[in-house]
Amino acid sequence: MSYFSIALQRRLERRSMNQSDLSRQSGISRSYISRLLSGEFSELSDANFTSLLKVFAADPQAQADLVAARCMDVKAG
């Protein structure tokens, strides 16, 4: 599991959101989100990353956590 998927799951839990909610708000398919959260799929395009960040636009700390997690994934390779 990636740092990003863990951070995203925590943020969803804090907002009492599920994968379908995130899919609807981000415009990303639920199946892609499911694979991303399960760690099955670690590729995250800049466009999808931006779409996910927009869901958390009202919460700068959530956005910062997600950016930091993505940076850790990139650093870890």
PDB file of N, CA and C in Angstrom:
ATOM      1  N   MET A   1       0.852  -1.181   0.000  1.00  0.00           N
ATOM      2  CA  MET A   1       0.000   0.000   0.000  1.00  0.00           C
ATOM      3  C   MET A   1       0.896   1.242   0.000  1.00  0.00           C
ATOM      4  N   SER A   2       0.494   2.242  -0.716  1.00  0.00           N
ATOM      5  CA  SER A   2       1.298   3.450  -0.832  1.00  0.00           C
ATOM      6  C   SER A   2       0.968   4.450   0.279  1.00  0.00           C
ATOM      7  N   TYR A   3       1.886   5.368   0.484  1.00  0.00           N
ATOM      8  CA  TYR A   3       1.638   6.445   1.448  1.00  0.00           C
ATOM      9  C   TYR A   3       0.387   7.223   1.051  1.00  0.00           C
ATOM     10  N   PHE A   4       0.259   7.455  -0.265  1.00  0.00           N
ATOM     11  CA  PHE A   4      -0.888   8.226  -0.741  1.00  0.00           C
ATOM     12  C   PHE A   4      -2.203   7.513  -0.467  1.00  0.00           C
ATOM     13  N   SER A   5      -2.253   6.223  -0.733  1.00  0.00           N
ATOM     14  CA  SER A   5      -3.505   5.496  -0.516  1.00  0.00           C
ATOM     15  C   SER A   5      -3.893   5.491   0.960  1.00  0.00           C
ATOM     16  N   ILE A   6      -2.916   5.385   1.839  1.00  0.00           N
ATOM     17  CA  ILE A   6      -3.192   5.430   3.282  1.00  0.00           C
ATOM     18  C   ILE A   6      -3.707   6.811   3.680  1.00  0.00           C
ATOM     19  N   ALA A   7      -3.039   7.855   3.198  1.00  0.00           N
ATOM     20  CA  ALA A   7      -3.457   9.222   3.530  1.00  0.00           C
ATOM     21  C   ALA A   7      -4.857   9.514   2.985  1.00  0.00           C
ATOM     22  N   LEU A   8      -5.128   9.070   1.776  1.00  0.00           N
ATOM     23  CA  LEU A   8      -6.437   9.299   1.175  1.00  0.00           C
ATOM     24  C   LEU A   8      -7.519   8.560   1.959  1.00  0.00           C
ATOM     25  N   GLN A   9      -7.258   7.331   2.340  1.00  0.00           N
ATOM     26  CA  GLN A   9      -8.229   6.562   3.119  1.00  0.00           C
ATOM     27  C   GLN A   9      -8.528   7.252   4.447  1.00  0.00           C
ATOM     28  N   ARG A  10      -7.508   7.750   5.110  1.00  0.00           N
ATOM     29  CA  ARG A  10      -7.707   8.465   6.387  1.00  0.00           C
ATOM     30  C   ARG A  10      -8.565   9.707   6.191  1.00  0.00           C
ATOM     31  N   ARG A  11      -8.305  10.434   5.127  1.00  0.00           N
ATOM     32  CA  ARG A  11      -9.084  11.644   4.870  1.00  0.00           C
ATOM     33  C   ARG A  11     -10.539  11.311   4.546  1.00  0.00           C
ATOM     34  N   LEU A  12     -10.759  10.246   3.831  1.00  0.00           N
ATOM     35  CA  LEU A  12     -12.124   9.825   3.545  1.00  0.00           C
ATOM     36  C   LEU A  12     -12.852   9.459   4.836  1.00  0.00           C
ATOM     37  N   GLU A  13     -12.176   8.746   5.714  1.00  0.00           N
ATOM     38  CA  GLU A  13     -12.775   8.357   6.987  1.00  0.00           C
ATOM     39  C   GLU A  13     -13.119   9.579   7.830  1.00  0.00           C
ATOM     40  N   ARG A  14     -12.230  10.549   7.855  1.00  0.00           N
ATOM     41  CA  ARG A  14     -12.473  11.766   8.639  1.00  0.00           C
ATOM     42  C   ARG A  14     -13.677  12.548   8.136  1.00  0.00           C
ATOM     43  N   ARG A  15     -13.922  12.459   6.834  1.00  0.00           N
ATOM     44  CA  ARG A  15     -15.067  13.169   6.246  1.00  0.00           C
ATOM     45  C   ARG A  15     -16.290  12.274   6.087  1.00  0.00           C
ATOM     46  N   SER A  16     -16.197  11.078   6.610  1.00  0.00           N
ATOM     47  CA  SER A  16     -17.293  10.094   6.492  1.00  0.00           C
ATOM     48  C   SER A  16     -17.716   9.912   5.037  1.00  0.00           C
ATOM     49  N   MET A  17     -16.720   9.792   4.175  1.00  0.00           N
ATOM     50  CA  MET A  17     -16.960   9.593   2.743  1.00  0.00           C
ATOM     51  C   MET A  17     -16.608   8.158   2.371  1.00  0.00           C
ATOM     52  N   ASN A  18     -17.240   7.676   1.322  1.00  0.00           N
ATOM     53  CA  ASN A  18     -16.862   6.371   0.787  1.00  0.00           C
ATOM     54  C   ASN A  18     -16.321   6.545  -0.634  1.00  0.00           C
ATOM     55  N   GLN A  19     -15.963   5.441  -1.254  1.00  0.00           N
ATOM     56  CA  GLN A  19     -15.381   5.501  -2.591  1.00  0.00           C
ATOM     57  C   GLN A  19     -16.341   6.099  -3.614  1.00  0.00           C
ATOM     58  N   SER A  20     -17.605   5.799  -3.477  1.00  0.00           N
ATOM     59  CA  SER A  20     -18.594   6.340  -4.414  1.00  0.00           C
ATOM     60  C   SER A  20     -18.698   7.858  -4.284  1.00  0.00           C
ATOM     61  N   ASP A  21     -18.656   8.358  -3.048  1.00  0.00           N
ATOM     62  CA  ASP A  21     -18.680   9.809  -2.831  1.00  0.00           C
ATOM     63  C   ASP A  21     -17.473  10.463  -3.494  1.00  0.00           C
ATOM     64  N   LEU A  22     -16.300   9.867  -3.271  1.00  0.00           N
ATOM     65  CA  LEU A  22     -15.077  10.421  -3.844  1.00  0.00           C
ATOM     66  C   LEU A  22     -15.125  10.372  -5.366  1.00  0.00           C
ATOM     67  N   SER A  23     -15.631   9.298  -5.906  1.00  0.00           N
ATOM     68  CA  SER A  23     -15.758   9.168  -7.356  1.00  0.00           C
ATOM     69  C   SER A  23     -16.654  10.263  -7.926  1.00  0.00           C
ATOM     70  N   ARG A  24     -17.793  10.439  -7.313  1.00  0.00           N
ATOM     71  CA  ARG A  24     -18.757  11.436  -7.777  1.00  0.00           C
ATOM     72  C   ARG A  24     -18.165  12.852  -7.710  1.00  0.00           C
ATOM     73  N   GLN A  25     -17.502  13.171  -6.613  1.00  0.00           N
ATOM     74  CA  GLN A  25     -16.974  14.524  -6.433  1.00  0.00           C
ATOM     75  C   GLN A  25     -15.720  14.802  -7.259  1.00  0.00           C
ATOM     76  N   SER A  26     -14.941  13.769  -7.532  1.00  0.00           N
ATOM     77  CA  SER A  26     -13.691  13.973  -8.269  1.00  0.00           C
ATOM     78  C   SER A  26     -13.834  13.762  -9.770  1.00  0.00           C
ATOM     79  N   GLY A  27     -14.880  13.028 -10.169  1.00  0.00           N
ATOM     80  CA  GLY A  27     -15.034  12.704 -11.583  1.00  0.00           C
ATOM     81  C   GLY A  27     -14.167  11.534 -12.017  1.00  0.00           C
ATOM     82  N   ILE A  28     -13.601  10.814 -11.067  1.00  0.00           N
ATOM     83  CA  ILE A  28     -12.762   9.649 -11.347  1.00  0.00           C
ATOM     84  C   ILE A  28     -13.602   8.399 -11.094  1.00  0.00           C
ATOM     85  N   SER A  29     -13.433   7.403 -11.931  1.00  0.00           N
ATOM     86  CA  SER A  29     -14.257   6.204 -11.795  1.00  0.00           C
ATOM     87  C   SER A  29     -14.049   5.535 -10.433  1.00  0.00           C
ATOM     88  N   ARG A  30     -15.118   4.924  -9.960  1.00  0.00           N
ATOM     89  CA  ARG A  30     -15.061   4.247  -8.669  1.00  0.00           C
ATOM     90  C   ARG A  30     -14.071   3.082  -8.708  1.00  0.00           C
ATOM     91  N   SER A  31     -13.993   2.391  -9.831  1.00  0.00           N
ATOM     92  CA  SER A  31     -13.075   1.252  -9.937  1.00  0.00           C
ATOM     93  C   SER A  31     -11.616   1.712  -9.842  1.00  0.00           C
ATOM     94  N   TYR A  32     -11.306   2.850 -10.452  1.00  0.00           N
ATOM     95  CA  TYR A  32      -9.945   3.398 -10.365  1.00  0.00           C
ATOM     96  C   TYR A  32      -9.636   3.755  -8.910  1.00  0.00           C
ATOM     97  N   ILE A  33     -10.576   4.395  -8.240  1.00  0.00           N
ATOM     98  CA  ILE A  33     -10.375   4.773  -6.840  1.00  0.00           C
ATOM     99  C   ILE A  33     -10.205   3.536  -5.974  1.00  0.00           C
ATOM    100  N   SER A  34     -10.990   2.513  -6.234  1.00  0.00           N
ATOM    101  CA  SER A  34     -10.880   1.265  -5.484  1.00  0.00           C
ATOM    102  C   SER A  34      -9.489   0.652  -5.641  1.00  0.00           C
ATOM    103  N   ARG A  35      -8.991   0.616  -6.867  1.00  0.00           N
ATOM    104  CA  ARG A  35      -7.651   0.071  -7.117  1.00  0.00           C
ATOM    105  C   ARG A  35      -6.581   0.937  -6.480  1.00  0.00           C
ATOM    106  N   LEU A  36      -6.773   2.240  -6.507  1.00  0.00           N
ATOM    107  CA  LEU A  36      -5.819   3.164  -5.903  1.00  0.00           C
ATOM    108  C   LEU A  36      -5.758   2.958  -4.389  1.00  0.00           C
ATOM    109  N   LEU A  37      -6.912   2.848  -3.753  1.00  0.00           N
ATOM    110  CA  LEU A  37      -6.966   2.683  -2.301  1.00  0.00           C
ATOM    111  C   LEU A  37      -6.475   1.308  -1.847  1.00  0.00           C
ATOM    112  N   SER A  38      -6.651   0.304  -2.665  1.00  0.00           N
ATOM    113  CA  SER A  38      -6.228  -1.050  -2.286  1.00  0.00           C
ATOM    114  C   SER A  38      -4.734  -1.257  -2.476  1.00  0.00           C
ATOM    115  N   GLY A  39      -4.092  -0.330  -3.174  1.00  0.00           N
ATOM    116  CA  GLY A  39      -2.678  -0.467  -3.456  1.00  0.00           C
ATOM    117  C   GLY A  39      -2.408  -1.284  -4.705  1.00  0.00           C
ATOM    118  N   GLU A  40      -3.477  -1.771  -5.338  1.00  0.00           N
ATOM    119  CA  GLU A  40      -3.359  -2.568  -6.556  1.00  0.00           C
ATOM    120  C   GLU A  40      -2.831  -1.722  -7.712  1.00  0.00           C
ATOM    121  N   PHE A  41      -3.120  -0.442  -7.671  1.00  0.00           N
ATOM    122  CA  PHE A  41      -2.776   0.465  -8.770  1.00  0.00           C
ATOM    123  C   PHE A  41      -2.111   1.691  -8.168  1.00  0.00           C
ATOM    124  N   SER A  42      -0.839   1.871  -8.446  1.00  0.00           N
ATOM    125  CA  SER A  42      -0.119   2.975  -7.811  1.00  0.00           C
ATOM    126  C   SER A  42       0.124   4.167  -8.738  1.00  0.00           C
ATOM    127  N   GLU A  43      -0.107   3.999 -10.039  1.00  0.00           N
ATOM    128  CA  GLU A  43       0.076   5.112 -10.969  1.00  0.00           C
ATOM    129  C   GLU A  43      -1.017   6.150 -10.767  1.00  0.00           C
ATOM    130  N   LEU A  44      -0.611   7.359 -10.552  1.00  0.00           N
ATOM    131  CA  LEU A  44      -1.563   8.447 -10.350  1.00  0.00           C
ATOM    132  C   LEU A  44      -1.132   9.613 -11.222  1.00  0.00           C
ATOM    133  N   SER A  45      -1.912   9.895 -12.240  1.00  0.00           N
ATOM    134  CA  SER A  45      -1.574  10.996 -13.145  1.00  0.00           C
ATOM    135  C   SER A  45      -1.747  12.330 -12.420  1.00  0.00           C
ATOM    136  N   ASP A  46      -1.089  13.334 -12.944  1.00  0.00           N
ATOM    137  CA  ASP A  46      -1.227  14.675 -12.373  1.00  0.00           C
ATOM    138  C   ASP A  46      -2.668  15.151 -12.443  1.00  0.00           C
ATOM    139  N   ALA A  47      -3.360  14.828 -13.529  1.00  0.00           N
ATOM    140  CA  ALA A  47      -4.753  15.252 -13.684  1.00  0.00           C
ATOM    141  C   ALA A  47      -5.639  14.605 -12.624  1.00  0.00           C
ATOM    142  N   ASN A  48      -5.468  13.311 -12.384  1.00  0.00           N
ATOM    143  CA  ASN A  48      -6.270  12.640 -11.364  1.00  0.00           C
ATOM    144  C   ASN A  48      -5.898  13.118  -9.962  1.00  0.00           C
ATOM    145  N   PHE A  49      -4.629  13.355  -9.741  1.00  0.00           N
ATOM    146  CA  PHE A  49      -4.182  13.878  -8.451  1.00  0.00           C
ATOM    147  C   PHE A  49      -4.832  15.235  -8.178  1.00  0.00           C
ATOM    148  N   THR A  50      -4.843  16.091  -9.180  1.00  0.00           N
ATOM    149  CA  THR A  50      -5.472  17.406  -9.046  1.00  0.00           C
ATOM    150  C   THR A  50      -6.966  17.277  -8.774  1.00  0.00           C
ATOM    151  N   SER A  51      -7.612  16.353  -9.461  1.00  0.00           N
ATOM    152  CA  SER A  51      -9.051  16.129  -9.239  1.00  0.00           C
ATOM    153  C   SER A  51      -9.324  15.689  -7.810  1.00  0.00           C
ATOM    154  N   LEU A  52      -8.470  14.835  -7.274  1.00  0.00           N
ATOM    155  CA  LEU A  52      -8.639  14.389  -5.901  1.00  0.00           C
ATOM    156  C   LEU A  52      -8.399  15.529  -4.917  1.00  0.00           C
ATOM    157  N   LEU A  53      -7.383  16.345  -5.175  1.00  0.00           N
ATOM    158  CA  LEU A  53      -7.103  17.482  -4.292  1.00  0.00           C
ATOM    159  C   LEU A  53      -8.268  18.468  -4.259  1.00  0.00           C
ATOM    160  N   LYS A  54      -8.938  18.648  -5.382  1.00  0.00           N
ATOM    161  CA  LYS A  54     -10.064  19.585  -5.442  1.00  0.00           C
ATOM    162  C   LYS A  54     -11.202  19.166  -4.516  1.00  0.00           C
ATOM    163  N   VAL A  55     -11.353  17.866  -4.298  1.00  0.00           N
ATOM    164  CA  VAL A  55     -12.386  17.377  -3.385  1.00  0.00           C
ATOM    165  C   VAL A  55     -12.134  17.912  -1.972  1.00  0.00           C
ATOM    166  N   PHE A  56     -10.871  18.120  -1.651  1.00  0.00           N
ATOM    167  CA  PHE A  56     -10.484  18.577  -0.317  1.00  0.00           C
ATOM    168  C   PHE A  56     -10.105  20.060  -0.307  1.00  0.00           C
ATOM    169  N   ALA A  57     -10.639  20.820  -1.237  1.00  0.00           N
ATOM    170  CA  ALA A  57     -10.293  22.238  -1.383  1.00  0.00           C
ATOM    171  C   ALA A  57     -10.580  23.053  -0.133  1.00  0.00           C
ATOM    172  N   ALA A  58     -11.594  22.690   0.625  1.00  0.00           N
ATOM    173  CA  ALA A  58     -11.958  23.441   1.826  1.00  0.00           C
ATOM    174  C   ALA A  58     -11.089  23.056   3.028  1.00  0.00           C
ATOM    175  N   ASP A  59     -10.196  22.106   2.856  1.00  0.00           N
ATOM    176  CA  ASP A  59      -9.371  21.614   3.958  1.00  0.00           C
ATOM    177  C   ASP A  59      -7.895  21.627   3.557  1.00  0.00           C
ATOM    178  N   PRO A  60      -7.217  22.762   3.756  1.00  0.00           N
ATOM    179  CA  PRO A  60      -5.819  22.870   3.343  1.00  0.00           C
ATOM    180  C   PRO A  60      -4.910  21.834   4.008  1.00  0.00           C
ATOM    181  N   GLN A  61      -5.217  21.435   5.233  1.00  0.00           N
ATOM    182  CA  GLN A  61      -4.395  20.429   5.909  1.00  0.00           C
ATOM    183  C   GLN A  61      -4.518  19.079   5.209  1.00  0.00           C
ATOM    184  N   ALA A  62      -5.719  18.741   4.786  1.00  0.00           N
ATOM    185  CA  ALA A  62      -5.925  17.490   4.046  1.00  0.00           C
ATOM    186  C   ALA A  62      -5.142  17.527   2.740  1.00  0.00           C
ATOM    187  N   GLN A  63      -5.202  18.647   2.052  1.00  0.00           N
ATOM    188  CA  GLN A  63      -4.455  18.773   0.801  1.00  0.00           C
ATOM    189  C   GLN A  63      -2.954  18.626   1.055  1.00  0.00           C
ATOM    190  N   ALA A  64      -2.458  19.267   2.105  1.00  0.00           N
ATOM    191  CA  ALA A  64      -1.032  19.187   2.431  1.00  0.00           C
ATOM    192  C   ALA A  64      -0.626  17.743   2.747  1.00  0.00           C
ATOM    193  N   ASP A  65      -1.468  17.031   3.483  1.00  0.00           N
ATOM    194  CA  ASP A  65      -1.180  15.634   3.805  1.00  0.00           C
ATOM    195  C   ASP A  65      -1.120  14.774   2.551  1.00  0.00           C
ATOM    196  N   LEU A  66      -2.038  15.003   1.629  1.00  0.00           N
ATOM    197  CA  LEU A  66      -2.059  14.225   0.400  1.00  0.00           C
ATOM    198  C   LEU A  66      -0.858  14.538  -0.497  1.00  0.00           C
ATOM    199  N   VAL A  67      -0.473  15.804  -0.558  1.00  0.00           N
ATOM    200  CA  VAL A  67       0.707  16.186  -1.343  1.00  0.00           C
ATOM    201  C   VAL A  67       1.960  15.554  -0.736  1.00  0.00           C
ATOM    202  N   ALA A  68       2.088  15.632   0.586  1.00  0.00           N
ATOM    203  CA  ALA A  68       3.251  15.048   1.263  1.00  0.00           C
ATOM    204  C   ALA A  68       3.313  13.537   1.034  1.00  0.00           C
ATOM    205  N   ALA A  69       2.160  12.873   1.096  1.00  0.00           N
ATOM    206  CA  ALA A  69       2.124  11.427   0.884  1.00  0.00           C
ATOM    207  C   ALA A  69       2.536  11.075  -0.543  1.00  0.00           C
ATOM    208  N   ARG A  70       2.069  11.858  -1.490  1.00  0.00           N
ATOM    209  CA  ARG A  70       2.455  11.581  -2.881  1.00  0.00           C
ATOM    210  C   ARG A  70       3.954  11.785  -3.067  1.00  0.00           C
ATOM    211  N   CYS A  71       4.507  12.814  -2.447  1.00  0.00           N
ATOM    212  CA  CYS A  71       5.950  13.048  -2.529  1.00  0.00           C
ATOM    213  C   CYS A  71       6.732  11.889  -1.921  1.00  0.00           C
ATOM    214  N   MET A  72       6.240  11.340  -0.829  1.00  0.00           N
ATOM    215  CA  MET A  72       6.906  10.193  -0.202  1.00  0.00           C
ATOM    216  C   MET A  72       6.880   8.973  -1.118  1.00  0.00           C
ATOM    217  N   ASP A  73       5.771   8.780  -1.820  1.00  0.00           N
ATOM    218  CA  ASP A  73       5.682   7.668  -2.777  1.00  0.00           C
ATOM    219  C   ASP A  73       6.682   7.849  -3.901  1.00  0.00           C
ATOM    220  N   VAL A  74       6.796   9.068  -4.404  1.00  0.00           N
ATOM    221  CA  VAL A  74       7.734   9.338  -5.497  1.00  0.00           C
ATOM    222  C   VAL A  74       9.162   9.105  -5.014  1.00  0.00           C
ATOM    223  N   LYS A  75       9.457   9.565  -3.825  1.00  0.00           N
ATOM    224  CA  LYS A  75      10.803   9.398  -3.261  1.00  0.00           C
ATOM    225  C   LYS A  75      11.129   7.911  -3.060  1.00  0.00           C
ATOM    226  N   ALA A  76      10.135   7.144  -2.607  1.00  0.00           N
ATOM    227  CA  ALA A  76      10.350   5.719  -2.358  1.00  0.00           C
ATOM    228  C   ALA A  76      10.473   4.917  -3.645  1.00  0.00           C
ATOM    229  N   GLY A  77      10.006   5.532  -4.720  1.00  0.00           N
ATOM    230  CA  GLY A  77      10.145   4.889  -6.031  1.00  0.00           C
ATOM    231  C   GLY A  77       9.020   4.007  -6.315  1.00  0.00           C
TER     232      GLY A  77
END
